[in-house]
Amino acid sequence: MISGAVLYHVPLMDTTEKRIALCLYVLVCACQAQAFKVYVSVDMEGISGITCSDQTLRDGARYDEGRKLMAADMNACIEGCFAAGATEVVIRDGHGGGMNVDPAAIDTRATLIQGTAAPYMEGADGAEAAILLGFHAKALTPGAVLHHTFSSLTIQGMWLNDREVGETGVLAAILAEHKVPVVMVSGDDKVCAEAREWIPGVVTCETKKGTGPQSAELVPLEVAHRLIREKTEQALQRRKEIPCITVSYPAKMRWDYLPKGHVRTYDPTFKPVENPRRVEKTGESVEKMHLGK
C-alpha cells in the first residue's frame, strides 16, 4: 500500500519515480474503491444433496452426511464470492442451533459465525450484498423439500403485511433494514420460485427439484457446486442492480401456531390445523417483531 509518507517524499524523487509512485497510488485507490463485503446466511434443508430430515436433525441417522454437504456448499459459495472480487466474506451457520459445520472444513478466507448466542444479523452490517444459501420453501408449499417457516414443530404459517411469507421473505426484509440487498438464493425449485416472487431481479440457484416433503431429484453434487460458484459470481457482479426489497411500515406480522405435540410441517402425515392459535404484531421493525422484541 502507498502510505502518506511515500507521497510526502514524492517531490524528492526524479520524474520516473514520481510517475511510478503516482501510478501505484492510483491503482491502490482503485482497488480500495472496488473492495466489498458479502454476508452469507446458510440454512441446511436447501443444501445440495439434502433430501430428508435424517440429514438435517442433530439426532438424524444421516446428520454427519448433512453437515459435510453443508460445508461443501458453503465453500463453493465462498469461492464464488472471492472470484467476483469480494474482499470480505462473513458466512453464518444459520441452521438450528448454528453449530452444524466443522470450522476446520470451511475456507479460511471467510469469517465463520456459529452459535445461537450471537446477535441475529451479526456480520451483516456494512455488506454490499447478501446471499441466502441452502434455503427452503415456506411451510405447506406443495412438493417442496423439508418445507417449513422457522419452526417445523410450532409454526403452520407466517404473513408479512397480509402476504404469506417464508424465511426467504422475512430475512430479505430484515436485511433491507440493515440496508443489505439479497442478490442470490439457492435451494430447490420451490424456494427459487418463492425468492423471485419476493425479490425482484434476484439470481436463483436450483440445486434440486422437490418431489415431496422428504424427497428430491438432485443435481449431481459436482454440478451443483459449480452452479453455486457461477451463480454467486454472477449475482455479485449484478449487486448494484438488485435493490433491497420494499416493506411498508408500520409492518404487520402474523403467526399461526400449531398445537403442542403436533407432527412437523414436513412430515408426510401432516394435516393443516383448521383453527391454529394466531398472534399478530404491528411495528416499525420486522427484525424486532420476529425476535419478539
Protein backbone atom coordinates (compact mmCIF):
# COMPACT_ATOMS: atom_id res chain seq x y z
CA MET A 1 0.00 0.00 0.00
CA ILE A 2 1.26 3.55 -0.72
CA SER A 3 1.32 5.48 2.53
CA GLY A 4 1.06 9.21 3.12
CA ALA A 5 4.77 9.20 3.96
CA VAL A 6 5.64 7.91 0.49
CA LEU A 7 3.58 10.63 -1.15
CA TYR A 8 5.18 13.26 1.09
CA HIS A 9 8.60 12.37 -0.31
CA VAL A 10 7.47 12.33 -3.93
CA PRO A 11 8.93 15.82 -4.64
CA LEU A 12 12.39 14.44 -3.79
CA MET A 13 12.13 11.72 -6.42
CA ASP A 14 13.08 12.05 -10.04
CA THR A 15 10.37 12.25 -12.70
CA THR A 16 10.25 8.49 -13.38
CA GLU A 17 9.97 7.64 -9.68
CA LYS A 18 7.20 10.20 -9.27
CA ARG A 19 5.24 8.67 -12.13
CA ILE A 20 5.66 5.15 -10.74
CA ALA A 21 4.60 6.25 -7.26
CA LEU A 22 1.59 8.09 -8.64
CA CYS A 23 0.52 5.11 -10.74
CA LEU A 24 0.81 2.79 -7.75
CA TYR A 25 -1.20 5.20 -5.60
CA VAL A 26 -3.97 5.42 -8.22
CA LEU A 27 -4.00 1.61 -8.54
CA VAL A 28 -4.34 1.14 -4.78
CA CYS A 29 -7.13 3.72 -4.59
CA ALA A 30 -8.97 1.96 -7.44
CA CYS A 31 -8.65 -1.40 -5.71
CA GLN A 32 -9.91 0.05 -2.44
CA ALA A 33 -12.88 1.63 -4.24
CA GLN A 34 -13.86 -1.79 -5.62
CA ALA A 35 -13.50 -3.62 -2.29
CA PHE A 36 -16.76 -5.02 -0.95
CA LYS A 37 -18.11 -7.31 1.76
CA VAL A 38 -20.61 -10.16 1.34
CA TYR A 39 -22.84 -11.65 4.03
CA VAL A 40 -23.96 -15.27 3.54
CA SER A 41 -26.74 -16.78 5.67
CA VAL A 42 -26.78 -20.56 5.40
CA ASP A 43 -29.61 -22.94 6.16
CA MET A 44 -29.48 -26.71 5.71
CA GLU A 45 -32.69 -28.02 4.15
CA GLY A 46 -31.90 -26.49 0.75
CA ILE A 47 -28.29 -27.65 0.63
CA SER A 48 -27.15 -29.73 -2.36
CA GLY A 49 -27.71 -33.44 -1.74
CA ILE A 50 -30.16 -32.93 1.15
CA THR A 51 -33.43 -34.81 0.67
CA CYS A 52 -34.75 -35.76 4.12
CA SER A 53 -34.86 -34.76 7.78
CA ASP A 54 -32.49 -37.58 8.73
CA GLN A 55 -29.77 -35.39 7.22
CA THR A 56 -30.78 -32.14 8.96
CA LEU A 57 -31.77 -33.08 12.52
CA ARG A 58 -29.00 -33.47 15.10
CA ASP A 59 -30.36 -36.89 16.11
CA GLY A 60 -30.85 -37.94 12.50
CA ALA A 61 -29.14 -41.11 11.27
CA ARG A 62 -27.50 -39.17 8.40
CA TYR A 63 -26.78 -35.86 10.16
CA ASP A 64 -22.98 -36.16 9.71
CA GLU A 65 -23.55 -36.51 5.98
CA GLY A 66 -25.72 -33.38 6.02
CA ARG A 67 -23.02 -31.40 7.87
CA LYS A 68 -20.44 -32.28 5.22
CA LEU A 69 -22.81 -31.42 2.38
CA MET A 70 -23.49 -28.05 4.04
CA ALA A 71 -19.77 -27.28 4.31
CA ALA A 72 -19.23 -28.14 0.65
CA ASP A 73 -21.94 -25.70 -0.50
CA MET A 74 -20.51 -23.03 1.79
CA ASN A 75 -17.04 -23.41 0.29
CA ALA A 76 -18.42 -23.28 -3.25
CA CYS A 77 -20.20 -20.03 -2.40
CA ILE A 78 -17.12 -18.55 -0.71
CA GLU A 79 -15.07 -19.37 -3.79
CA GLY A 80 -17.64 -17.59 -5.97
CA CYS A 81 -17.59 -14.54 -3.69
CA PHE A 82 -13.84 -14.09 -4.00
CA ALA A 83 -13.92 -14.82 -7.72
CA ALA A 84 -16.36 -11.89 -8.02
CA GLY A 85 -13.88 -9.60 -6.27
CA ALA A 86 -15.18 -9.65 -2.70
CA THR A 87 -12.58 -8.64 -0.15
CA GLU A 88 -14.51 -9.83 2.90
CA VAL A 89 -16.97 -12.71 3.29
CA VAL A 90 -18.92 -13.35 6.50
CA ILE A 91 -20.74 -16.67 6.49
CA ARG A 92 -23.35 -17.54 9.13
CA ASP A 93 -24.18 -21.11 10.10
CA GLY A 94 -27.90 -20.44 10.44
CA HIS A 95 -29.48 -23.87 10.79
CA GLY A 96 -30.95 -24.91 14.14
CA GLY A 97 -28.53 -24.04 16.92
CA GLY A 98 -26.00 -22.73 14.42
CA MET A 99 -23.35 -25.35 15.27
CA ASN A 100 -23.50 -27.62 12.25
CA VAL A 101 -20.33 -27.45 10.18
CA ASP A 102 -16.81 -28.26 11.33
CA PRO A 103 -14.93 -24.90 11.27
CA ALA A 104 -11.82 -26.71 10.04
CA ALA A 105 -13.74 -27.68 6.88
CA ILE A 106 -14.53 -24.08 5.88
CA ASP A 107 -12.44 -21.94 3.51
CA THR A 108 -10.20 -19.87 5.81
CA ARG A 109 -10.64 -16.73 3.69
CA ALA A 110 -14.15 -16.35 5.13
CA THR A 111 -15.22 -15.38 8.65
CA LEU A 112 -17.48 -18.11 10.06
CA ILE A 113 -20.13 -17.21 12.66
CA GLN A 114 -21.65 -20.04 14.70
CA GLY A 115 -23.93 -20.39 17.73
CA THR A 116 -27.29 -19.00 18.82
CA ALA A 117 -25.87 -16.51 21.35
CA ALA A 118 -24.55 -14.22 18.59
CA PRO A 119 -26.77 -11.27 17.52
CA TYR A 120 -29.26 -12.35 14.86
CA MET A 121 -27.68 -10.47 11.97
CA GLU A 122 -24.13 -10.28 13.30
CA GLY A 123 -21.75 -9.60 10.44
CA ALA A 124 -24.36 -8.25 8.01
CA ASP A 125 -23.84 -4.53 8.61
CA GLY A 126 -21.59 -2.92 6.01
CA ALA A 127 -22.10 -5.69 3.45
CA GLU A 128 -22.88 -4.67 -0.12
CA ALA A 129 -24.81 -7.87 -0.76
CA ALA A 130 -26.28 -10.90 0.97
CA ILE A 131 -26.75 -14.48 -0.16
CA LEU A 132 -29.26 -16.98 1.26
CA LEU A 133 -27.61 -20.35 0.75
CA GLY A 134 -29.36 -23.70 1.16
CA PHE A 135 -32.80 -22.25 1.88
CA HIS A 136 -36.18 -23.99 1.67
CA ALA A 137 -39.74 -23.04 0.74
CA LYS A 138 -42.31 -21.74 3.21
CA ALA A 139 -44.46 -24.12 5.23
CA LEU A 140 -47.01 -26.21 3.32
CA THR A 141 -45.58 -25.45 -0.13
CA PRO A 142 -46.72 -28.35 -2.35
CA GLY A 143 -43.86 -30.60 -3.45
CA ALA A 144 -41.18 -28.65 -1.59
CA VAL A 145 -38.35 -30.42 0.22
CA LEU A 146 -38.49 -30.06 4.03
CA HIS A 147 -40.83 -27.07 3.80
CA HIS A 148 -41.40 -25.03 6.98
CA THR A 149 -41.23 -21.46 8.24
CA PHE A 150 -38.67 -21.08 11.04
CA SER A 151 -40.11 -23.94 13.13
CA SER A 152 -41.43 -27.13 11.58
CA LEU A 153 -42.78 -28.09 15.01
CA THR A 154 -44.65 -24.96 16.05
CA ILE A 155 -45.47 -22.69 13.10
CA GLN A 156 -48.04 -23.56 10.44
CA GLY A 157 -47.65 -20.27 8.57
CA MET A 158 -46.49 -16.66 8.69
CA TRP A 159 -47.68 -13.46 7.00
CA LEU A 160 -45.98 -10.12 6.41
CA ASN A 161 -48.34 -7.24 5.58
CA ASP A 162 -51.10 -9.77 4.84
CA ARG A 163 -48.92 -11.71 2.40
CA GLU A 164 -47.93 -15.27 3.27
CA VAL A 165 -44.18 -15.34 3.76
CA GLY A 166 -41.38 -17.83 4.31
CA GLU A 167 -37.90 -17.48 5.70
CA THR A 168 -36.61 -16.04 2.43
CA GLY A 169 -39.02 -13.09 2.53
CA VAL A 170 -38.55 -12.42 6.24
CA LEU A 171 -34.76 -12.42 6.00
CA ALA A 172 -34.86 -10.24 2.88
CA ALA A 173 -36.99 -7.75 4.85
CA ILE A 174 -34.66 -7.84 7.86
CA LEU A 175 -31.58 -7.43 5.69
CA ALA A 176 -33.27 -4.48 3.98
CA GLU A 177 -33.49 -2.88 7.44
CA HIS A 178 -29.71 -3.28 7.55
CA LYS A 179 -29.52 -1.78 4.03
CA VAL A 180 -28.20 -5.03 2.54
CA PRO A 181 -29.90 -6.46 -0.59
CA VAL A 182 -30.30 -10.21 -1.09
CA VAL A 183 -28.79 -10.96 -4.50
CA MET A 184 -28.86 -14.77 -4.61
CA VAL A 185 -30.87 -17.63 -3.14
CA SER A 186 -30.04 -21.35 -3.53
CA GLY A 187 -32.16 -24.40 -2.81
CA ASP A 188 -34.86 -26.44 -4.51
CA ASP A 189 -37.03 -25.23 -7.38
CA LYS A 190 -39.84 -24.22 -5.00
CA VAL A 191 -37.75 -21.84 -2.88
CA CYS A 192 -36.18 -20.40 -6.03
CA ALA A 193 -39.67 -19.53 -7.31
CA GLU A 194 -40.58 -18.07 -3.91
CA ALA A 195 -37.42 -15.94 -3.92
CA ARG A 196 -38.24 -14.50 -7.34
CA GLU A 197 -41.71 -13.54 -6.07
CA TRP A 198 -40.28 -11.64 -3.12
CA ILE A 199 -37.01 -10.23 -4.50
CA PRO A 200 -37.22 -8.67 -7.98
CA GLY A 201 -34.08 -9.35 -10.00
CA VAL A 202 -32.64 -11.90 -7.58
CA VAL A 203 -30.37 -14.61 -9.01
CA THR A 204 -31.51 -18.12 -8.06
CA CYS A 205 -29.51 -21.34 -7.97
CA GLU A 206 -31.58 -24.51 -8.24
CA THR A 207 -29.67 -27.46 -6.82
CA LYS A 208 -32.62 -29.90 -6.79
CA LYS A 209 -36.27 -30.32 -7.71
CA GLY A 210 -38.61 -31.02 -4.84
CA THR A 211 -40.75 -34.10 -5.32
CA GLY A 212 -42.19 -34.18 -1.80
CA PRO A 213 -41.51 -33.11 1.78
CA GLN A 214 -38.87 -35.84 2.19
CA SER A 215 -37.62 -36.35 -1.35
CA ALA A 216 -35.99 -34.56 -4.28
CA GLU A 217 -34.49 -35.02 -7.70
CA LEU A 218 -30.87 -34.00 -7.13
CA VAL A 219 -28.44 -32.17 -9.36
CA PRO A 220 -25.13 -34.12 -9.17
CA LEU A 221 -23.00 -32.61 -6.40
CA GLU A 222 -20.11 -31.62 -8.65
CA VAL A 223 -22.52 -29.82 -10.97
CA ALA A 224 -24.38 -28.23 -8.06
CA HIS A 225 -21.16 -26.84 -6.57
CA ARG A 226 -20.14 -25.43 -9.93
CA LEU A 227 -23.57 -23.82 -10.27
CA ILE A 228 -23.27 -22.25 -6.81
CA ARG A 229 -19.84 -20.79 -7.66
CA GLU A 230 -21.07 -19.45 -11.00
CA LYS A 231 -24.38 -18.07 -9.72
CA THR A 232 -22.65 -16.45 -6.75
CA GLU A 233 -20.18 -14.70 -9.01
CA GLN A 234 -22.95 -13.66 -11.42
CA ALA A 235 -25.15 -12.31 -8.62
CA LEU A 236 -22.34 -10.29 -7.05
CA GLN A 237 -21.39 -8.79 -10.39
CA ARG A 238 -25.00 -7.56 -10.57
CA ARG A 239 -25.20 -6.49 -6.92
CA LYS A 240 -25.74 -2.82 -7.74
CA GLU A 241 -28.73 -3.69 -9.95
CA ILE A 242 -30.64 -5.64 -7.27
CA PRO A 243 -32.17 -3.34 -4.64
CA CYS A 244 -33.34 -4.16 -1.14
CA ILE A 245 -36.96 -5.25 -1.03
CA THR A 246 -39.53 -2.62 -0.05
CA VAL A 247 -41.63 -3.14 3.07
CA SER A 248 -44.46 -0.79 4.09
CA TYR A 249 -44.26 0.43 7.70
CA PRO A 250 -45.67 0.11 10.21
CA ALA A 251 -45.39 -3.53 9.22
CA LYS A 252 -47.86 -6.19 10.29
CA MET A 253 -46.78 -9.75 11.04
CA ARG A 254 -48.90 -12.79 11.78
CA TRP A 255 -48.03 -16.23 13.07
CA ASP A 256 -50.32 -19.29 13.01
CA TYR A 257 -49.09 -21.69 15.70
CA LEU A 258 -49.51 -25.45 15.81
CA PRO A 259 -50.68 -27.19 18.98
CA LYS A 260 -48.00 -28.72 21.17
CA GLY A 261 -47.03 -32.23 20.11
CA HIS A 262 -48.17 -31.84 16.51
CA VAL A 263 -46.14 -33.56 13.78
CA ARG A 264 -43.69 -31.42 11.81
CA THR A 265 -44.94 -29.49 8.81
CA TYR A 266 -42.74 -31.58 6.53
CA ASP A 267 -43.88 -34.90 8.00
CA PRO A 268 -45.69 -36.81 5.21
CA THR A 269 -48.62 -37.37 7.62
CA PHE A 270 -49.04 -33.64 8.41
CA LYS A 271 -52.54 -32.22 8.05
CA PRO A 272 -53.17 -28.46 8.42
CA VAL A 273 -54.83 -27.36 11.66
CA GLU A 274 -58.14 -25.64 10.93
CA ASN A 275 -58.06 -23.15 13.81
CA PRO A 276 -54.43 -22.54 14.76
CA ARG A 277 -53.53 -20.14 17.57
CA ARG A 278 -53.00 -16.78 15.87
CA VAL A 279 -50.66 -13.99 17.00
CA GLU A 280 -50.39 -10.60 15.27
CA LYS A 281 -47.98 -7.72 15.80
CA THR A 282 -47.51 -4.30 14.23
CA GLY A 283 -44.26 -2.37 14.43
CA GLU A 284 -41.51 -0.37 12.79
CA SER A 285 -39.02 -3.25 12.57
CA VAL A 286 -39.56 -6.71 11.10
CA GLU A 287 -36.38 -7.88 12.84
CA LYS A 288 -37.57 -6.78 16.29
CA MET A 289 -41.02 -8.30 15.83
CA HIS A 290 -39.51 -11.54 14.56
CA LEU A 291 -37.24 -11.72 17.61
CA GLY A 292 -40.10 -10.88 19.96
CA LYS A 293 -38.68 -7.51 20.99
